[in-house]
Structure formats: structure tokens, C-alpha cells
Amino acid sequence: MQGDPMGGLISAIVWMVLFVGIFYFLILRPQQQQRKKHEEFLKNLKKGDKVITTGGIIGEIKNIEEKTVSLKVCEGCIIKVLKPSIASYYQEEAASREEKG
């Protein structure tokens, strides 16, 4: 006697749906939430904020345009970077603790 072939198909479909559900909740959903959080962060940037780029450049925002941000990185040196490359705010107290520790 052989097993019911439809039962095997249903079992395979259930496992596939379960796998896709786990993949969504462990990988895709957290990435979507992180992207939304970063987009909100970029909308709230303003002149005078100290930020760090994904490349590790620290600077103060001098001008914000639609797609770019002008950063003052030292006296008389202003660079223009793409807005999505701004990673986070720069907090000097946290950086000085890391240097000491």
C-alpha cells in the first residue's frame, strides 16, 4: 500500500507556507521597519546637526537639499554627500568614552 499522493502535496505546501512565514518575520519585516526608521531619521535632519556617514565621515550639516546634504568636516572644508549615506547622529560623549576605554 502506498500513501495518499495528495497528502504529500498538502504537507509540502504547508511546509512551504511555514518556511515563507518564518522568512518574512525573521528577515524581511525587520529590514522594512529599519528602513522606515532611517527614512524618518532623514526627514528630521536639520542644519547644525552633527552626523556620521556610512563611510565614517563626521560633520555638521550646513545645507540640506532634496537628495544631498552639505557637511562641514573642518574649517573651510564642506563636502556634499547623498542623503541616504547619513547613518546616524554623532554624539561626542559616546566617542570620547570609547577612546578612553
N, C-alpha and C. Protein backbone atom coordinates (compact mmCIF):
# COMPACT_ATOMS: atom_id res chain seq x y z
N MET A 1 0.83 -1.18 0.00
CA MET A 1 0.00 0.00 0.00
C MET A 1 0.88 1.25 0.00
N GLN A 2 0.58 2.14 -0.86
CA GLN A 2 1.30 3.41 -0.91
C GLN A 2 0.46 4.49 -0.25
N GLY A 3 1.16 5.57 0.24
CA GLY A 3 0.45 6.66 0.89
C GLY A 3 -0.32 7.48 -0.13
N ASP A 4 -1.22 8.27 0.36
CA ASP A 4 -2.04 9.14 -0.48
C ASP A 4 -1.16 10.24 -1.08
N PRO A 5 -1.04 10.36 -2.42
CA PRO A 5 -0.19 11.38 -3.03
C PRO A 5 -0.67 12.79 -2.73
N MET A 6 -1.96 13.00 -2.55
CA MET A 6 -2.48 14.33 -2.22
C MET A 6 -2.05 14.75 -0.82
N GLY A 7 -1.93 13.80 0.07
CA GLY A 7 -1.49 14.11 1.43
C GLY A 7 -0.06 14.63 1.43
N GLY A 8 0.78 14.06 0.59
CA GLY A 8 2.17 14.52 0.47
C GLY A 8 2.25 15.91 -0.12
N LEU A 9 1.41 16.20 -1.07
CA LEU A 9 1.37 17.51 -1.70
C LEU A 9 0.92 18.57 -0.70
N ILE A 10 -0.12 18.26 0.05
CA ILE A 10 -0.61 19.20 1.07
C ILE A 10 0.44 19.44 2.13
N SER A 11 1.12 18.39 2.53
CA SER A 11 2.18 18.51 3.53
C SER A 11 3.31 19.41 3.01
N ALA A 12 3.67 19.23 1.75
CA ALA A 12 4.73 20.06 1.16
C ALA A 12 4.31 21.52 1.10
N ILE A 13 3.05 21.77 0.75
CA ILE A 13 2.55 23.15 0.68
C ILE A 13 2.54 23.78 2.05
N VAL A 14 2.13 23.03 3.08
CA VAL A 14 2.12 23.54 4.45
C VAL A 14 3.54 23.91 4.89
N TRP A 15 4.50 23.04 4.59
CA TRP A 15 5.89 23.33 4.97
C TRP A 15 6.42 24.57 4.23
N MET A 16 6.05 24.70 2.95
CA MET A 16 6.49 25.85 2.16
C MET A 16 5.92 27.14 2.73
N VAL A 17 4.63 27.15 3.06
CA VAL A 17 4.00 28.33 3.64
C VAL A 17 4.64 28.66 4.99
N LEU A 18 4.89 27.65 5.79
CA LEU A 18 5.54 27.85 7.09
C LEU A 18 6.94 28.46 6.90
N PHE A 19 7.70 27.95 5.96
CA PHE A 19 9.04 28.47 5.68
C PHE A 19 8.99 29.93 5.24
N VAL A 20 8.07 30.27 4.33
CA VAL A 20 7.93 31.64 3.86
C VAL A 20 7.53 32.56 5.01
N GLY A 21 6.63 32.11 5.87
CA GLY A 21 6.21 32.91 7.02
C GLY A 21 7.36 33.19 7.96
N ILE A 22 8.16 32.19 8.27
CA ILE A 22 9.32 32.37 9.14
C ILE A 22 10.32 33.32 8.49
N PHE A 23 10.58 33.14 7.20
CA PHE A 23 11.50 34.01 6.47
C PHE A 23 11.04 35.46 6.54
N TYR A 24 9.73 35.69 6.36
CA TYR A 24 9.18 37.04 6.39
C TYR A 24 9.38 37.68 7.77
N PHE A 25 9.00 36.97 8.83
CA PHE A 25 9.05 37.57 10.16
C PHE A 25 10.46 37.68 10.73
N LEU A 26 11.39 36.86 10.28
CA LEU A 26 12.75 36.95 10.80
C LEU A 26 13.68 37.82 9.97
N ILE A 27 13.38 37.99 8.68
CA ILE A 27 14.30 38.73 7.82
C ILE A 27 13.66 39.95 7.18
N LEU A 28 12.58 39.77 6.45
CA LEU A 28 12.02 40.87 5.66
C LEU A 28 11.38 41.95 6.52
N ARG A 29 10.56 41.57 7.49
CA ARG A 29 9.85 42.57 8.29
C ARG A 29 10.81 43.46 9.09
N PRO A 30 11.82 42.90 9.78
CA PRO A 30 12.76 43.78 10.49
C PRO A 30 13.50 44.74 9.56
N GLN A 31 13.84 44.30 8.35
CA GLN A 31 14.50 45.19 7.40
C GLN A 31 13.58 46.32 6.97
N GLN A 32 12.30 46.02 6.75
CA GLN A 32 11.34 47.06 6.39
C GLN A 32 11.19 48.08 7.50
N GLN A 33 11.12 47.61 8.74
CA GLN A 33 10.99 48.52 9.88
C GLN A 33 12.23 49.39 10.03
N GLN A 34 13.40 48.81 9.83
CA GLN A 34 14.65 49.56 9.93
C GLN A 34 14.72 50.62 8.82
N ARG A 35 14.29 50.27 7.61
CA ARG A 35 14.29 51.23 6.50
C ARG A 35 13.34 52.40 6.78
N LYS A 36 12.16 52.11 7.32
CA LYS A 36 11.20 53.17 7.65
C LYS A 36 11.77 54.08 8.73
N LYS A 37 12.44 53.50 9.71
CA LYS A 37 13.05 54.28 10.79
C LYS A 37 14.14 55.20 10.23
N HIS A 38 14.95 54.70 9.29
CA HIS A 38 16.02 55.50 8.69
C HIS A 38 15.44 56.62 7.83
N GLU A 39 14.36 56.34 7.09
CA GLU A 39 13.71 57.37 6.28
C GLU A 39 13.16 58.48 7.17
N GLU A 40 12.57 58.12 8.29
CA GLU A 40 12.06 59.11 9.24
C GLU A 40 13.21 59.94 9.82
N PHE A 41 14.33 59.28 10.12
CA PHE A 41 15.52 59.97 10.62
C PHE A 41 16.00 61.01 9.59
N LEU A 42 16.03 60.63 8.31
CA LEU A 42 16.49 61.55 7.26
C LEU A 42 15.55 62.74 7.11
N LYS A 43 14.25 62.52 7.29
CA LYS A 43 13.28 63.62 7.20
C LYS A 43 13.47 64.64 8.32
N ASN A 44 13.95 64.18 9.48
CA ASN A 44 14.09 65.05 10.65
C ASN A 44 15.44 65.74 10.76
N LEU A 45 16.34 65.55 9.78
CA LEU A 45 17.64 66.22 9.82
C LEU A 45 17.45 67.72 9.67
N LYS A 46 18.31 68.48 10.35
CA LYS A 46 18.24 69.94 10.23
C LYS A 46 19.65 70.52 10.31
N LYS A 47 19.77 71.78 9.89
CA LYS A 47 21.06 72.45 9.93
C LYS A 47 21.60 72.46 11.35
N GLY A 48 22.91 72.26 11.47
CA GLY A 48 23.56 72.28 12.77
C GLY A 48 23.70 70.92 13.42
N ASP A 49 22.98 69.91 12.93
CA ASP A 49 23.10 68.55 13.49
C ASP A 49 24.48 67.99 13.16
N LYS A 50 25.09 67.32 14.13
CA LYS A 50 26.33 66.61 13.88
C LYS A 50 25.97 65.18 13.54
N VAL A 51 26.47 64.72 12.39
CA VAL A 51 26.12 63.39 11.90
C VAL A 51 27.37 62.62 11.49
N ILE A 52 27.17 61.32 11.31
CA ILE A 52 28.24 60.47 10.80
C ILE A 52 27.69 59.73 9.58
N THR A 53 28.51 59.63 8.55
CA THR A 53 28.08 58.97 7.32
C THR A 53 28.40 57.48 7.41
N THR A 54 27.87 56.73 6.44
CA THR A 54 28.16 55.30 6.41
C THR A 54 29.65 55.04 6.14
N GLY A 55 30.33 56.01 5.56
CA GLY A 55 31.77 55.89 5.32
C GLY A 55 32.62 56.31 6.50
N GLY A 56 31.97 56.78 7.59
CA GLY A 56 32.71 57.16 8.79
C GLY A 56 33.10 58.62 8.86
N ILE A 57 32.60 59.44 7.97
CA ILE A 57 32.92 60.87 7.98
C ILE A 57 31.99 61.58 8.96
N ILE A 58 32.59 62.37 9.84
CA ILE A 58 31.83 63.12 10.84
C ILE A 58 31.78 64.57 10.39
N GLY A 59 30.59 65.15 10.45
CA GLY A 59 30.47 66.54 10.04
C GLY A 59 29.20 67.18 10.57
N GLU A 60 29.15 68.49 10.41
CA GLU A 60 27.99 69.27 10.83
C GLU A 60 27.21 69.68 9.60
N ILE A 61 25.91 69.50 9.63
CA ILE A 61 25.07 69.81 8.47
C ILE A 61 25.02 71.33 8.28
N LYS A 62 25.37 71.77 7.06
CA LYS A 62 25.31 73.18 6.72
C LYS A 62 24.18 73.49 5.75
N ASN A 63 23.81 72.52 4.93
CA ASN A 63 22.72 72.74 3.97
C ASN A 63 22.10 71.39 3.64
N ILE A 64 20.76 71.38 3.50
CA ILE A 64 20.04 70.16 3.14
C ILE A 64 19.26 70.43 1.86
N GLU A 65 19.50 69.61 0.87
CA GLU A 65 18.76 69.69 -0.38
C GLU A 65 17.90 68.43 -0.50
N GLU A 66 17.22 68.29 -1.63
CA GLU A 66 16.32 67.15 -1.79
C GLU A 66 17.06 65.81 -1.70
N LYS A 67 18.19 65.69 -2.40
CA LYS A 67 18.91 64.42 -2.44
C LYS A 67 20.28 64.46 -1.80
N THR A 68 20.79 65.65 -1.47
CA THR A 68 22.14 65.77 -0.92
C THR A 68 22.15 66.59 0.36
N VAL A 69 23.25 66.42 1.09
CA VAL A 69 23.48 67.17 2.33
C VAL A 69 24.90 67.71 2.28
N SER A 70 25.08 68.99 2.63
CA SER A 70 26.41 69.58 2.69
C SER A 70 26.89 69.50 4.13
N LEU A 71 28.07 68.90 4.31
CA LEU A 71 28.64 68.72 5.65
C LEU A 71 29.92 69.52 5.80
N LYS A 72 30.04 70.22 6.92
CA LYS A 72 31.28 70.90 7.26
C LYS A 72 32.10 69.90 8.06
N VAL A 73 33.23 69.48 7.48
CA VAL A 73 34.06 68.48 8.14
C VAL A 73 35.26 69.10 8.86
N CYS A 74 35.67 70.29 8.45
CA CYS A 74 36.71 71.05 9.14
C CYS A 74 36.56 72.51 8.70
N GLU A 75 37.36 73.40 9.26
CA GLU A 75 37.26 74.82 8.90
C GLU A 75 37.53 75.00 7.41
N GLY A 76 36.57 75.58 6.73
CA GLY A 76 36.72 75.87 5.31
C GLY A 76 36.57 74.67 4.40
N CYS A 77 36.13 73.55 4.92
CA CYS A 77 36.00 72.34 4.11
C CYS A 77 34.57 71.81 4.21
N ILE A 78 33.83 71.97 3.14
CA ILE A 78 32.45 71.49 3.10
C ILE A 78 32.35 70.47 1.98
N ILE A 79 31.81 69.31 2.31
CA ILE A 79 31.62 68.26 1.30
C ILE A 79 30.13 68.00 1.13
N LYS A 80 29.79 67.48 -0.02
CA LYS A 80 28.40 67.17 -0.33
C LYS A 80 28.28 65.65 -0.39
N VAL A 81 27.32 65.08 0.35
CA VAL A 81 27.10 63.64 0.35
C VAL A 81 25.63 63.36 0.03
N LEU A 82 25.36 62.18 -0.46
CA LEU A 82 23.98 61.78 -0.70
C LEU A 82 23.26 61.60 0.63
N LYS A 83 22.03 62.01 0.67
CA LYS A 83 21.25 61.96 1.90
C LYS A 83 21.18 60.56 2.53
N PRO A 84 20.93 59.50 1.73
CA PRO A 84 20.84 58.16 2.35
C PRO A 84 22.14 57.67 2.97
N SER A 85 23.27 58.33 2.67
CA SER A 85 24.54 57.89 3.25
C SER A 85 24.75 58.42 4.67
N ILE A 86 23.84 59.26 5.16
CA ILE A 86 23.91 59.71 6.55
C ILE A 86 23.42 58.56 7.41
N ALA A 87 24.30 58.06 8.29
CA ALA A 87 23.96 56.87 9.08
C ALA A 87 23.24 57.21 10.37
N SER A 88 23.77 58.18 11.13
CA SER A 88 23.17 58.49 12.42
C SER A 88 23.71 59.83 12.93
N TYR A 89 23.13 60.26 14.05
CA TYR A 89 23.67 61.44 14.72
C TYR A 89 25.00 61.08 15.34
N TYR A 90 25.89 62.06 15.45
CA TYR A 90 27.18 61.85 16.09
C TYR A 90 27.12 62.42 17.49
N GLN A 91 27.45 61.60 18.46
CA GLN A 91 27.43 62.04 19.85
C GLN A 91 28.87 61.99 20.38
N GLU A 92 29.40 63.16 20.70
CA GLU A 92 30.80 63.25 21.09
C GLU A 92 31.08 62.56 22.42
N GLU A 93 30.14 62.59 23.37
CA GLU A 93 30.41 61.97 24.67
C GLU A 93 30.63 60.47 24.51
N ALA A 94 29.84 59.82 23.66
CA ALA A 94 29.99 58.39 23.44
C ALA A 94 31.34 58.09 22.77
N ALA A 95 31.75 58.94 21.84
CA ALA A 95 33.02 58.73 21.15
C ALA A 95 34.20 58.93 22.09
N SER A 96 34.12 59.93 22.98
CA SER A 96 35.25 60.15 23.88
C SER A 96 35.36 59.03 24.91
N ARG A 97 34.25 58.42 25.31
CA ARG A 97 34.30 57.27 26.24
C ARG A 97 34.96 56.09 25.58
N GLU A 98 34.70 55.88 24.28
CA GLU A 98 35.30 54.76 23.56
C GLU A 98 36.80 54.93 23.45
N GLU A 99 37.26 56.17 23.27
CA GLU A 99 38.70 56.43 23.17
C GLU A 99 39.40 56.16 24.48
N LYS A 100 38.75 56.49 25.61
CA LYS A 100 39.35 56.29 26.94
C LYS A 100 39.34 54.83 27.33
N GLY A 101 38.27 54.12 26.99
CA GLY A 101 38.05 52.74 27.44
C GLY A 101 38.80 51.78 26.64
